[in-house]
Amino acid sequence: MNVPIIDPLQGDFPEIIEDFLQHGNMKCIAFNCHGTLLAAGCSDGSCIIWDFETRGISRRLRDSATISPITSVCWSKHGHRLLVSATDKSLTLWDVKKCEKIARITLQHTALHARLDPGPVEPTVCLACPLSSAPLLVDMSDGSSSVLPVSVSQEGNNYIVAPIPRKFSDGSTPFTPTAATFDRSGELICVGNSKGEILIVGVKTSKVYGIIPVPGGAVIKDIVFCRTGQYVLTNSNDRVIRLFENLLPHNNVINELEIIDSLNNNTNNNVEEYDIVEKLKTTGIKCIKYLREFQDVVTKIQWKTPCFSGDGEWILGASASKGEHKLYIWERLGHLVKILEGPKEAIIDVVWHPERPIVVSVSVTGTAYVWAKDYVENWSAFAPDFKELEENEEYIEREDEFDLNPREDEKEKEEVVDEDAEVDIENIEEASIITISNGLHEELRYLPAVPSPDLSEQQDKYPASPSRLEESNNSASPFDNDVVTNGHASSPMEVAENSLAEEDGGASSKRKRKPSAKGMEMQAEKDKRPATKNQKSSSVSKTSKPRTKYDIDSDQDDEFTDGFVF
């Protein structure tokens, strides 16, 4: 698409289905930091990595020990590692470039979501959200894990972490998955519970620094940060998506929380019995601020995992209703701008491209649909005075419109060009996109292609088996006795000539002579002449001996001796 002729007033969000990806039965997808690679987990336990520019498969990660469907895939910060969780309660960490398995552990419960620590370059610590237990902080290097708090209760002037009950009072097991995710720095974890609260937990200390109450008090199903870490989305069971603003800095987050905590202690120092939970809520409100909510007021549909656009300006919500493929797009200010309708297939996962207005949604059939922008070309960008007309208009030309010297007041002002200015032809200005890396480490943008050898190359590399070679050497041939004569190999044509000469009794055993150009021309003319009756009768005579090609050549040699070189 030609960038200068694109209308700048168009919304930078997808509108139509541009393409679809299909390989097996895909369940979940995830982009790397630049959107050049797309990882997809399949129902057979394998993980497919697509080259999103060429829409071809770059890698296929498959562990023989994992044959269960994949529940989530997550890239590392620089794209060198990939974390995969499956329904067989396993977590597998892969080296994407080498296509090697780094570590694999098995949990006690199936992990619905798994996220790698966004801090280090080669992370080994991950966050797993099991189906019916508290979130776990797992170290893939040694297999150790620690349970994160999901609730806080008051006990005197201290607070204690309330564990999730294994069974309810009626004997049934809880079936409420808990949502949790890292922040951008990787120093904090936001944990959502069934009370409609978000707990701010330290990664190293597992300490609760603050509590953010979510309006409505419904079960929190998903927590999503934008790429910059400035905004947060929550998806609750009350069918509402809520937007929060992160007020914490990107670096030294723990120190900032300690300062806020000390200020709260000094403010309430005179209160003898101060509620610790209320103090944590006061701290949480200073960390994350509630902004607005998004919902479908008419239908009140449930939502799949919401997501931000790459620049954080748009918010996407996928319908969780069966039999429909709908995507709702809002501005960050709260206005609904587009509803995209796809095939009659339910959505199981959706993700927005990090740098482009592209959305990939996965249907229940395992097909990934690529939604892209339907650009409208603005041809007035070529000339400032160009005007696009919707219908024909009558034009009255000026009297001096085609004069060689128009009036001075109607001359276009020429642009002043500084001819002495230096032009930089070495450096390239990069597009203004949001990057999450610090530029100190190499990022994995593309995977090297592994070409498959052609059939001819495979035959050269893997020749016939020795048994077949022996059979070919031992096979009988009418020319085997004459293949090698006088110590050198003879060609098949020479062998045929010798055998025919022996059959004729040596009649054509003349010295072989090389024909000249003149002789070849005369031979061609003779071949074009019609055959006489005598020649026909002699050729078809049954009593006479059949004449061979070499007898005819001998007669021609006697007739045209001056045309040959001895």
Protein backbone atom coordinates (compact mmCIF):
# COMPACT_ATOMS: atom_id res chain seq x y z
CA MET A 1 0.00 0.00 0.00
CA ASN A 2 1.31 3.46 -0.95
CA VAL A 3 1.56 5.33 2.36
CA PRO A 4 1.27 8.92 0.99
CA ILE A 5 -2.18 8.29 -0.52
CA ILE A 6 -3.71 6.74 2.63
CA ASP A 7 -6.33 8.89 4.28
CA PRO A 8 -4.91 9.93 7.67
CA LEU A 9 -8.40 10.38 9.13
CA GLN A 10 -9.16 6.67 8.94
CA GLY A 11 -9.18 4.72 12.18
CA ASP A 12 -6.11 2.56 12.68
CA PHE A 13 -8.00 -0.65 13.42
CA PRO A 14 -8.83 -3.76 11.34
CA GLU A 15 -12.03 -4.06 9.35
CA ILE A 16 -12.06 -7.15 7.10
CA ILE A 17 -10.73 -10.72 7.07
CA GLU A 18 -7.62 -10.60 4.92
CA ASP A 19 -6.36 -14.17 5.25
CA PHE A 20 -6.61 -17.28 7.38
CA LEU A 21 -4.04 -19.70 8.80
CA GLN A 22 -4.75 -23.37 9.12
CA HIS A 23 -2.54 -26.17 10.41
CA GLY A 24 -4.11 -28.83 12.55
CA ASN A 25 -6.49 -27.67 15.27
CA MET A 26 -5.10 -24.50 16.86
CA LYS A 27 -6.21 -23.54 20.37
CA CYS A 28 -4.19 -20.47 21.42
CA ILE A 29 -1.90 -17.92 19.79
CA ALA A 30 0.67 -15.28 20.76
CA PHE A 31 2.84 -12.74 18.88
CA ASN A 32 6.47 -12.05 19.66
CA CYS A 33 7.50 -8.51 20.63
CA HIS A 34 7.62 -7.23 17.01
CA GLY A 35 4.84 -9.33 15.51
CA THR A 36 7.10 -11.08 13.01
CA LEU A 37 6.48 -14.54 14.50
CA LEU A 38 3.18 -16.05 15.60
CA ALA A 39 3.14 -19.05 17.94
CA ALA A 40 0.07 -21.31 17.97
CA GLY A 41 -0.62 -24.21 20.29
CA CYS A 42 -2.48 -27.15 18.76
CA SER A 43 -4.73 -29.87 20.12
CA ASP A 44 -2.19 -32.63 19.42
CA GLY A 45 0.38 -31.15 21.84
CA SER A 46 2.54 -29.48 19.20
CA CYS A 47 3.35 -25.79 18.82
CA ILE A 48 3.52 -24.17 15.39
CA ILE A 49 5.54 -20.99 14.77
CA TRP A 50 4.39 -19.02 11.74
CA ASP A 51 6.47 -16.47 9.87
CA PHE A 52 3.79 -13.80 9.81
CA GLU A 53 5.33 -11.88 6.90
CA THR A 54 5.32 -14.84 4.52
CA ARG A 55 2.49 -16.75 6.27
CA GLY A 56 4.63 -19.88 6.23
CA ILE A 57 5.57 -22.31 9.00
CA SER A 58 9.07 -21.66 10.37
CA ARG A 59 9.23 -24.19 13.21
CA ARG A 60 7.23 -27.04 14.68
CA LEU A 61 7.95 -27.70 18.33
CA ARG A 62 6.87 -31.13 19.47
CA ASP A 63 7.61 -32.96 22.72
CA SER A 64 7.05 -36.70 22.59
CA ALA A 65 5.89 -36.62 26.22
CA THR A 66 3.13 -34.08 25.47
CA ILE A 67 0.17 -35.29 23.44
CA SER A 68 -2.54 -33.26 25.18
CA PRO A 69 -4.02 -29.98 23.86
CA ILE A 70 -2.08 -26.77 24.49
CA THR A 71 -3.76 -24.22 26.77
CA SER A 72 -1.42 -21.20 26.40
CA VAL A 73 1.79 -20.01 24.75
CA CYS A 74 3.98 -17.10 25.89
CA TRP A 75 7.09 -15.49 24.38
CA SER A 76 10.02 -14.19 26.35
CA LYS A 77 10.95 -10.52 26.24
CA HIS A 78 13.39 -10.85 23.34
CA GLY A 79 11.68 -13.78 21.65
CA HIS A 80 14.36 -16.42 22.19
CA ARG A 81 12.25 -18.62 24.48
CA LEU A 82 8.69 -19.89 24.42
CA LEU A 83 6.66 -21.22 27.35
CA VAL A 84 3.94 -23.77 26.58
CA SER A 85 1.32 -25.17 28.97
CA ALA A 86 -0.86 -28.19 28.23
CA THR A 87 -3.85 -29.97 29.70
CA ASP A 88 -1.63 -32.81 30.96
CA LYS A 89 -0.50 -30.39 33.74
CA SER A 90 2.87 -29.82 32.07
CA LEU A 91 4.93 -26.67 31.51
CA THR A 92 7.56 -26.77 28.77
CA LEU A 93 10.21 -24.13 28.07
CA TRP A 94 11.63 -24.10 24.53
CA ASP A 95 14.63 -22.53 22.84
CA VAL A 96 12.96 -21.28 19.66
CA LYS A 97 16.05 -20.73 17.50
CA LYS A 98 17.65 -24.09 18.28
CA CYS A 99 14.29 -25.87 18.43
CA GLU A 100 15.37 -27.56 21.67
CA LYS A 101 13.53 -28.24 24.90
CA ILE A 102 15.13 -26.44 27.86
CA ALA A 103 13.00 -27.73 30.72
CA ARG A 104 9.74 -29.53 31.40
CA ILE A 105 7.88 -29.90 34.71
CA THR A 106 4.51 -31.28 35.76
CA LEU A 107 2.18 -29.43 38.13
CA GLN A 108 -0.57 -30.78 40.34
CA HIS A 109 -3.26 -28.96 38.36
CA THR A 110 -3.77 -27.98 34.74
CA ALA A 111 -2.49 -24.48 34.01
CA LEU A 112 -4.96 -22.41 32.01
CA HIS A 113 -2.46 -19.57 31.54
CA ALA A 114 1.31 -19.37 31.90
CA ARG A 115 3.46 -16.24 31.62
CA LEU A 116 7.23 -15.80 31.56
CA ASP A 117 8.99 -13.22 33.69
CA PRO A 118 9.40 -10.12 31.46
CA GLY A 119 12.49 -8.91 33.31
CA PRO A 120 15.49 -11.11 32.36
CA VAL A 121 16.71 -11.86 28.86
CA GLU A 122 16.61 -15.64 29.32
CA PRO A 123 13.89 -16.15 31.92
CA THR A 124 13.40 -19.36 33.86
CA VAL A 125 10.74 -18.10 36.31
CA CYS A 126 7.15 -18.23 35.14
CA LEU A 127 3.67 -17.59 36.50
CA ALA A 128 1.09 -20.37 36.19
CA CYS A 129 -2.64 -19.98 36.80
CA PRO A 130 -4.07 -23.47 37.52
CA LEU A 131 -7.66 -24.45 37.00
CA SER A 132 -8.75 -24.79 40.62
CA SER A 133 -5.94 -23.51 42.84
CA ALA A 134 -4.02 -20.35 43.63
CA PRO A 135 -1.51 -18.98 41.10
CA LEU A 136 1.99 -20.45 41.29
CA LEU A 137 5.38 -18.87 40.83
CA VAL A 138 7.45 -21.64 39.22
CA ASP A 139 11.19 -21.83 38.63
CA MET A 140 11.74 -23.98 35.54
CA SER A 141 15.43 -24.50 36.30
CA ASP A 142 14.91 -26.56 39.47
CA GLY A 143 11.15 -27.21 39.44
CA SER A 144 10.46 -25.33 42.69
CA SER A 145 7.19 -23.45 43.08
CA SER A 146 5.53 -21.09 45.57
CA VAL A 147 1.85 -20.30 46.03
CA LEU A 148 0.78 -16.68 45.69
CA PRO A 149 -1.82 -15.07 48.00
CA VAL A 150 -5.27 -14.53 46.60
CA SER A 151 -7.02 -12.97 49.61
CA VAL A 152 -6.20 -10.98 52.77
CA SER A 153 -8.06 -11.10 56.08
CA GLN A 154 -7.70 -9.06 59.27
CA GLU A 155 -6.24 -10.58 62.45
CA GLY A 156 -5.69 -7.92 65.11
CA ASN A 157 -3.32 -5.30 63.71
CA ASN A 158 -1.84 -7.73 61.20
CA TYR A 159 -3.13 -9.33 58.06
CA ILE A 160 -2.90 -12.97 57.06
CA VAL A 161 -3.17 -14.59 53.67
CA ALA A 162 -6.35 -16.61 53.39
CA PRO A 163 -5.76 -19.81 51.39
CA ILE A 164 -8.22 -21.12 48.84
CA PRO A 165 -10.40 -23.84 50.37
CA ARG A 166 -9.98 -27.26 48.82
CA LYS A 167 -13.70 -27.91 49.21
CA PHE A 168 -16.76 -25.87 49.92
CA SER A 169 -19.02 -26.51 52.90
CA ASP A 170 -21.27 -28.72 50.80
CA GLY A 171 -18.31 -30.90 49.80
CA SER A 172 -17.95 -29.63 46.22
CA THR A 173 -14.57 -28.48 44.92
CA PRO A 174 -14.08 -24.86 43.88
CA PHE A 175 -14.01 -24.31 40.14
CA THR A 176 -13.04 -20.65 39.95
CA PRO A 177 -9.76 -20.05 38.10
CA THR A 178 -7.76 -17.12 39.43
CA ALA A 179 -6.31 -14.56 37.01
CA ALA A 180 -2.75 -13.28 37.49
CA THR A 181 -0.13 -11.54 35.37
CA PHE A 182 3.24 -9.80 35.61
CA ASP A 183 3.58 -6.07 35.25
CA ARG A 184 6.00 -4.67 32.70
CA SER A 185 8.96 -4.53 35.09
CA GLY A 186 8.51 -8.09 36.31
CA GLU A 187 8.81 -7.00 39.96
CA LEU A 188 5.09 -7.20 40.74
CA ILE A 189 2.24 -9.60 40.07
CA CYS A 190 -1.39 -8.54 39.86
CA VAL A 191 -3.66 -11.28 41.19
CA GLY A 192 -7.45 -11.16 40.77
CA ASN A 193 -9.70 -13.11 43.11
CA SER A 194 -13.35 -14.13 43.33
CA LYS A 195 -14.17 -11.15 45.60
CA GLY A 196 -13.61 -8.65 42.80
CA GLU A 197 -10.22 -7.47 44.10
CA ILE A 198 -6.78 -7.11 42.53
CA LEU A 199 -3.85 -7.86 44.84
CA ILE A 200 -0.45 -6.27 44.18
CA VAL A 201 2.09 -8.94 45.19
CA GLY A 202 5.88 -8.74 45.16
CA VAL A 203 7.64 -11.39 43.10
CA LYS A 204 10.61 -11.96 45.41
CA THR A 205 8.85 -11.54 48.76
CA SER A 206 5.27 -12.71 47.93
CA LYS A 207 4.13 -9.79 50.08
CA VAL A 208 0.82 -8.04 49.44
CA TYR A 209 1.54 -4.33 48.96
CA GLY A 210 -1.94 -3.16 47.99
CA ILE A 211 -5.51 -4.12 47.15
CA ILE A 212 -7.54 -2.55 44.32
CA PRO A 213 -11.30 -3.09 44.66
CA VAL A 214 -12.99 -3.56 41.28
CA PRO A 215 -16.49 -2.04 40.93
CA GLY A 216 -19.17 -4.69 40.90
CA GLY A 217 -17.29 -7.17 43.08
CA ALA A 218 -17.58 -9.97 40.47
CA VAL A 219 -15.06 -12.72 39.82
CA ILE A 220 -12.10 -11.44 37.80
CA LYS A 221 -11.35 -13.73 34.87
CA ASP A 222 -8.55 -11.85 33.05
CA ILE A 223 -5.99 -9.11 33.75
CA VAL A 224 -4.15 -7.59 30.76
CA PHE A 225 -1.46 -4.88 30.63
CA CYS A 226 -0.76 -2.81 27.54
CA ARG A 227 2.73 -2.84 26.03
CA THR A 228 3.79 0.35 27.79
CA GLY A 229 2.42 -0.87 31.10
CA GLN A 230 0.45 2.35 31.60
CA TYR A 231 -3.06 0.85 31.32
CA VAL A 232 -4.68 -2.32 32.64
CA LEU A 233 -7.81 -4.19 31.53
CA THR A 234 -9.91 -6.57 33.62
CA ASN A 235 -12.61 -8.94 32.47
CA SER A 236 -15.17 -9.92 35.11
CA ASN A 237 -18.05 -12.33 35.37
CA ASP A 238 -20.53 -9.43 35.36
CA ARG A 239 -19.94 -9.10 31.57
CA VAL A 240 -18.03 -5.82 31.88
CA ILE A 241 -14.50 -4.93 30.73
CA ARG A 242 -12.91 -2.26 32.93
CA LEU A 243 -9.99 0.05 32.23
CA PHE A 244 -7.46 1.13 34.89
CA GLU A 245 -4.46 3.43 34.77
CA ASN A 246 -1.18 2.26 36.30
CA LEU A 247 0.31 5.10 38.37
CA LEU A 248 3.48 3.24 39.39
CA PRO A 249 6.80 3.92 37.64
CA HIS A 250 8.40 1.37 35.34
CA ASN A 251 11.55 1.04 37.45
CA ASN A 252 12.11 0.71 41.20
CA VAL A 253 8.49 -0.22 41.77
CA ILE A 254 9.13 -1.84 45.15
CA ASN A 255 10.80 1.31 46.49
CA GLU A 256 7.83 3.39 45.40
CA LEU A 257 5.45 1.02 47.16
CA GLU A 258 7.52 1.19 50.34
CA ILE A 259 7.34 4.98 50.26
CA ILE A 260 3.55 4.92 49.81
CA ASP A 261 3.24 2.41 52.66
CA SER A 262 5.31 4.55 55.01
CA LEU A 263 3.22 7.63 54.20
CA ASN A 264 0.06 5.71 55.02
CA ASN A 265 1.51 4.58 58.34
CA ASN A 266 2.42 8.16 59.27
CA THR A 267 -1.04 9.43 58.32
CA ASN A 268 -2.83 6.85 60.48
CA ASN A 269 -0.32 6.73 63.30
CA ASN A 270 -2.81 8.14 65.83
CA VAL A 271 -5.43 5.49 65.11
CA GLU A 272 -5.12 2.69 67.64
CA GLU A 273 -7.05 0.01 65.82
CA TYR A 274 -6.45 0.77 62.17
CA ASP A 275 -7.85 -1.69 59.67
CA ILE A 276 -4.90 -3.23 57.82
CA VAL A 277 -7.08 -4.24 54.87
CA GLU A 278 -8.31 -0.67 54.46
CA LYS A 279 -4.72 0.53 54.51
CA LEU A 280 -3.87 -1.90 51.70
CA LYS A 281 -6.85 -0.63 49.74
CA THR A 282 -5.70 2.96 50.24
CA THR A 283 -2.27 1.98 48.92
CA GLY A 284 -3.82 0.14 45.98
CA ILE A 285 -5.91 3.12 44.93
CA LYS A 286 -2.73 5.21 44.80
CA CYS A 287 -1.11 2.58 42.58
CA ILE A 288 -3.87 1.80 40.07
CA LYS A 289 -6.68 4.21 39.22
CA TYR A 290 -10.07 3.15 37.87
CA LEU A 291 -11.09 4.95 34.64
CA ARG A 292 -14.12 3.50 32.81
CA GLU A 293 -15.92 0.37 31.69
CA PHE A 294 -16.86 -1.24 28.35
CA GLN A 295 -19.85 -3.48 27.72
CA ASP A 296 -22.67 -4.28 25.32
CA VAL A 297 -25.62 -2.69 27.07
CA VAL A 298 -28.19 -4.33 24.79
CA THR A 299 -27.12 -7.99 24.65
CA LYS A 300 -25.01 -8.20 27.85
CA ILE A 301 -22.69 -10.78 26.30
CA GLN A 302 -19.76 -12.45 28.01
CA TRP A 303 -16.26 -11.57 26.83
CA LYS A 304 -13.19 -13.57 25.97
CA THR A 305 -9.75 -12.28 26.90
CA PRO A 306 -9.65 -8.53 26.06
CA CYS A 307 -6.53 -6.94 24.62
CA PHE A 308 -4.97 -3.60 23.71
CA SER A 309 -3.72 -2.46 20.34
CA GLY A 310 0.02 -2.06 19.90
CA ASP A 311 -0.05 1.65 20.76
CA GLY A 312 -2.71 1.24 23.47
CA GLU A 313 -5.22 3.53 21.71
CA TRP A 314 -7.79 0.81 20.96
CA ILE A 315 -9.40 -1.86 23.12
CA LEU A 316 -10.65 -5.14 21.70
CA GLY A 317 -13.24 -7.47 23.21
CA ALA A 318 -14.23 -10.80 21.66
CA SER A 319 -17.67 -12.24 22.14
CA ALA A 320 -17.79 -15.48 24.12
CA SER A 321 -21.21 -16.50 22.77
CA LYS A 322 -21.48 -19.79 20.93
CA GLY A 323 -22.06 -19.72 17.19
CA GLU A 324 -20.90 -16.13 16.57
CA HIS A 325 -17.56 -14.58 15.68
CA LYS A 326 -17.82 -10.94 16.79
CA LEU A 327 -15.08 -8.47 17.70
CA TYR A 328 -15.90 -5.19 19.44
CA ILE A 329 -13.42 -2.31 19.11
CA TRP A 330 -13.56 0.75 21.40
CA GLU A 331 -11.52 3.87 21.70
CA ARG A 332 -9.65 4.19 24.95
CA LEU A 333 -11.99 7.08 25.80
CA GLY A 334 -14.94 4.68 25.78
CA HIS A 335 -16.60 5.09 22.35
CA LEU A 336 -17.53 1.99 20.36
CA VAL A 337 -16.13 2.45 16.85
CA LYS A 338 -16.52 -0.92 15.13
CA ILE A 339 -18.16 -4.34 15.40
CA LEU A 340 -16.54 -6.99 13.23
CA GLU A 341 -18.54 -10.09 12.30
CA GLY A 342 -16.85 -13.21 11.01
CA PRO A 343 -18.00 -16.76 10.27
CA LYS A 344 -20.52 -18.57 12.45
CA GLU A 345 -17.82 -20.04 14.68
CA ALA A 346 -17.18 -19.27 18.32
CA ILE A 347 -13.95 -17.49 19.31
CA ILE A 348 -11.53 -19.21 21.68
CA ASP A 349 -8.58 -16.78 21.53
CA VAL A 350 -7.71 -13.39 20.05
CA VAL A 351 -4.56 -11.25 19.87
CA TRP A 352 -3.65 -7.83 18.39
CA HIS A 353 -0.48 -7.31 16.36
CA PRO A 354 2.13 -5.33 18.36
CA GLU A 355 2.95 -2.83 15.59
CA ARG A 356 0.24 -2.97 12.93
CA PRO A 357 -3.57 -2.74 12.80
CA ILE A 358 -3.97 -6.50 12.50
CA VAL A 359 -5.96 -8.85 14.71
CA VAL A 360 -5.75 -12.65 14.67
CA SER A 361 -8.69 -14.60 16.09
CA VAL A 362 -8.90 -18.36 16.56
CA SER A 363 -12.24 -20.09 16.09
CA VAL A 364 -13.47 -23.26 17.74
CA THR A 365 -12.69 -25.19 14.53
CA GLY A 366 -8.97 -24.45 14.96
CA THR A 367 -8.65 -21.89 12.15
CA ALA A 368 -6.91 -18.54 12.72
CA TYR A 369 -8.48 -15.59 10.89
CA VAL A 370 -6.35 -12.54 10.08
CA TRP A 371 -8.27 -9.24 10.28
CA ALA A 372 -6.64 -6.26 8.55
CA LYS A 373 -7.36 -2.65 7.66
CA ASP A 374 -9.40 -1.92 4.54
CA TYR A 375 -7.48 1.12 3.32
CA VAL A 376 -9.13 3.81 1.21
CA GLU A 377 -6.76 5.69 -1.06
CA ASN A 378 -6.76 9.48 -0.85
CA TRP A 379 -5.59 10.73 -4.24
CA SER A 380 -5.71 14.36 -3.15
CA ALA A 381 -2.46 13.71 -1.32
CA PHE A 382 -0.59 14.04 -4.63
CA ALA A 383 -1.50 17.72 -5.03
CA PRO A 384 -2.83 20.20 -2.46
CA ASP A 385 -5.30 21.75 -4.91
CA PHE A 386 -6.63 18.39 -6.13
CA LYS A 387 -10.28 17.79 -5.27
CA GLU A 388 -12.11 14.48 -5.51
CA LEU A 389 -15.64 14.76 -6.94
CA GLU A 390 -18.45 12.40 -6.11
CA GLU A 391 -20.33 13.44 -9.28
CA ASN A 392 -19.67 15.50 -12.40
CA GLU A 393 -19.65 19.26 -12.04
CA GLU A 394 -19.64 21.98 -14.68
CA TYR A 395 -16.30 23.75 -14.79
CA ILE A 396 -15.82 27.25 -16.19
CA GLU A 397 -12.23 27.95 -17.08
CA ARG A 398 -10.63 31.30 -16.49
CA GLU A 399 -9.72 33.63 -19.28
CA ASP A 400 -6.00 33.43 -18.63
CA GLU A 401 -5.91 29.85 -17.35
CA PHE A 402 -3.80 28.60 -20.27
CA ASP A 403 -1.72 31.77 -20.82
CA LEU A 404 2.04 31.42 -20.82
CA ASN A 405 2.48 34.30 -18.37
CA PRO A 406 -0.33 34.23 -15.79
CA ARG A 407 -0.87 37.12 -13.45
CA GLU A 408 1.51 37.49 -10.55
CA ASP A 409 -1.18 37.27 -7.90
CA GLU A 410 -2.20 33.80 -9.10
CA LYS A 411 1.28 32.32 -9.38
CA GLU A 412 1.96 29.48 -7.02
CA LYS A 413 4.55 30.21 -4.41
CA GLU A 414 7.65 28.20 -5.04
CA GLU A 415 9.12 26.33 -2.13
CA VAL A 416 12.39 27.63 -0.85
CA VAL A 417 14.96 24.85 -1.07
CA ASP A 418 18.23 25.09 0.76
CA GLU A 419 20.68 23.73 -1.77
CA ASP A 420 23.58 23.88 0.69
CA ALA A 421 21.88 21.68 3.30
CA GLU A 422 23.47 18.31 3.95
CA VAL A 423 21.40 15.24 3.16
CA ASP A 424 21.84 12.18 5.34
CA ILE A 425 21.80 9.12 3.09
CA GLU A 426 23.34 6.65 5.55
CA ASN A 427 20.95 6.59 8.50
CA ILE A 428 17.37 5.34 8.28
CA GLU A 429 14.59 6.85 10.35
CA GLU A 430 12.66 4.06 12.03
CA ALA A 431 8.90 4.14 12.39
CA SER A 432 7.56 5.58 15.62
CA ILE A 433 6.55 2.31 17.26
CA ILE A 434 6.55 1.26 20.86
CA THR A 435 9.42 -1.00 21.81
CA ILE A 436 9.72 -2.94 25.02
CA SER A 437 13.41 -3.78 24.83
CA ASN A 438 16.37 -1.68 25.89
CA GLY A 439 18.42 -2.39 22.78
CA LEU A 440 21.26 -4.04 24.72
CA HIS A 441 20.41 -7.58 23.62
CA GLU A 442 19.70 -9.05 20.23
CA GLU A 443 16.05 -9.74 19.55
CA LEU A 444 14.80 -12.71 17.60
CA ARG A 445 12.76 -11.25 14.76
CA TYR A 446 12.93 -14.02 12.17
CA LEU A 447 13.89 -17.68 12.13
CA PRO A 448 16.33 -18.97 9.52
CA ALA A 449 14.65 -21.06 6.88
CA VAL A 450 15.46 -24.76 6.67
CA PRO A 451 15.30 -25.67 2.96
CA SER A 452 14.14 -29.13 1.99
CA PRO A 453 16.39 -30.92 -0.58
CA ASP A 454 15.09 -31.63 -4.06
CA LEU A 455 14.51 -35.14 -5.36
CA SER A 456 17.65 -35.10 -7.49
CA GLU A 457 19.75 -34.00 -4.51
CA GLN A 458 18.31 -36.78 -2.39
CA GLN A 459 19.19 -39.35 -5.07
CA ASP A 460 22.77 -38.06 -5.24
CA LYS A 461 23.07 -38.09 -1.45
CA TYR A 462 21.44 -41.50 -1.03
CA PRO A 463 22.44 -43.70 -4.05
CA ALA A 464 20.97 -47.09 -4.82
CA SER A 465 21.56 -49.90 -2.36
CA PRO A 466 24.48 -52.32 -2.90
CA SER A 467 22.09 -55.18 -3.67
CA ARG A 468 20.53 -53.17 -6.49
CA LEU A 469 23.97 -52.23 -7.78
CA GLU A 470 25.01 -55.89 -7.85
CA GLU A 471 21.82 -56.82 -9.67
CA SER A 472 22.46 -54.14 -12.27
CA ASN A 473 26.08 -55.30 -12.71
CA ASN A 474 25.09 -58.98 -13.01
CA SER A 475 22.20 -58.43 -15.37
CA ALA A 476 22.72 -59.93 -18.83
CA SER A 477 23.17 -57.60 -21.82
CA PRO A 478 23.73 -58.40 -25.51
CA PHE A 479 26.68 -56.02 -25.55
CA ASP A 480 28.51 -57.13 -22.38
CA ASN A 481 31.30 -58.92 -24.28
CA ASP A 482 32.02 -55.91 -26.44
CA VAL A 483 31.81 -53.15 -23.83
CA VAL A 484 35.57 -53.05 -23.25
CA THR A 485 37.86 -53.44 -26.27
CA ASN A 486 41.60 -52.76 -26.54
CA GLY A 487 41.81 -51.63 -22.97
CA HIS A 488 39.27 -48.80 -23.20
CA ALA A 489 35.51 -48.55 -22.79
CA SER A 490 33.41 -48.42 -25.92
CA SER A 491 30.21 -46.50 -26.31
CA PRO A 492 26.92 -48.34 -26.92
CA MET A 493 26.82 -47.04 -30.50
CA GLU A 494 30.28 -48.43 -31.28
CA VAL A 495 29.33 -51.78 -29.79
CA ALA A 496 26.21 -51.92 -31.97
CA GLU A 497 28.25 -51.11 -35.08
CA ASN A 498 30.75 -53.90 -34.37
CA SER A 499 28.02 -56.47 -33.80
CA LEU A 500 26.19 -55.59 -37.01
CA ALA A 501 29.46 -55.67 -38.94
CA GLU A 502 30.13 -59.24 -37.78
CA GLU A 503 26.65 -60.33 -38.87
CA ASP A 504 27.29 -59.02 -42.43
CA GLY A 505 30.48 -61.10 -42.73
CA GLY A 506 32.80 -58.13 -42.71
CA ALA A 507 31.24 -56.51 -45.76
CA SER A 508 31.05 -53.16 -43.99
CA SER A 509 34.37 -53.38 -42.20
CA LYS A 510 35.76 -50.42 -44.09
CA ARG A 511 37.76 -47.71 -42.47
CA LYS A 512 35.53 -45.25 -40.67
CA ARG A 513 35.69 -41.84 -42.24
CA LYS A 514 34.43 -38.53 -40.94
CA PRO A 515 31.91 -36.86 -43.31
CA SER A 516 32.51 -33.27 -44.37
CA ALA A 517 29.97 -30.47 -44.50
CA LYS A 518 29.55 -30.83 -48.29
CA GLY A 519 28.89 -34.53 -48.00
CA MET A 520 26.24 -33.98 -45.34
CA GLU A 521 24.46 -31.47 -47.59
CA MET A 522 24.44 -33.88 -50.54
CA GLN A 523 23.15 -36.66 -48.28
CA ALA A 524 20.28 -34.43 -47.12
CA GLU A 525 19.32 -33.66 -50.75
CA LYS A 526 19.35 -37.34 -51.66
CA ASP A 527 17.07 -38.19 -48.76
CA LYS A 528 14.52 -35.71 -50.06
CA ARG A 529 14.35 -37.35 -53.53
CA PRO A 530 11.47 -39.84 -54.17
CA ALA A 531 12.47 -43.48 -54.31
CA THR A 532 12.40 -45.28 -57.74
CA LYS A 533 10.59 -48.48 -58.54
CA ASN A 534 13.76 -50.53 -58.50
CA GLN A 535 14.65 -49.20 -55.09
CA LYS A 536 11.15 -49.98 -53.80
CA SER A 537 11.18 -53.49 -55.25
CA SER A 538 14.62 -54.19 -53.89
CA SER A 539 13.66 -52.86 -50.46
CA VAL A 540 10.54 -54.99 -50.23
CA SER A 541 11.91 -58.06 -51.96
CA LYS A 542 11.53 -61.13 -49.80
CA THR A 543 14.09 -63.34 -51.64
CA SER A 544 16.98 -60.86 -51.40
CA LYS A 545 18.83 -60.19 -48.18
CA PRO A 546 17.61 -57.11 -46.30
CA ARG A 547 19.93 -54.16 -46.67
CA THR A 548 21.09 -52.55 -43.45
CA LYS A 549 21.89 -48.95 -42.66
CA TYR A 550 25.57 -49.66 -42.83
CA ASP A 551 25.35 -51.17 -46.35
CA ILE A 552 23.70 -47.97 -47.57
CA ASP A 553 26.41 -45.91 -45.91
CA SER A 554 29.10 -47.96 -47.71
CA ASP A 555 27.53 -47.33 -51.13
CA GLN A 556 27.30 -43.65 -50.39
CA ASP A 557 30.95 -43.56 -49.38
CA ASP A 558 31.98 -45.09 -52.75
CA GLU A 559 29.84 -42.64 -54.71
CA PHE A 560 30.89 -39.47 -52.89
CA THR A 561 34.54 -40.13 -52.12
CA ASP A 562 35.53 -36.59 -53.03
CA GLY A 563 33.28 -35.23 -50.32
CA PHE A 564 34.94 -37.01 -47.41
CA VAL A 565 38.12 -36.41 -45.51
CA PHE A 566 40.38 -39.39 -44.86
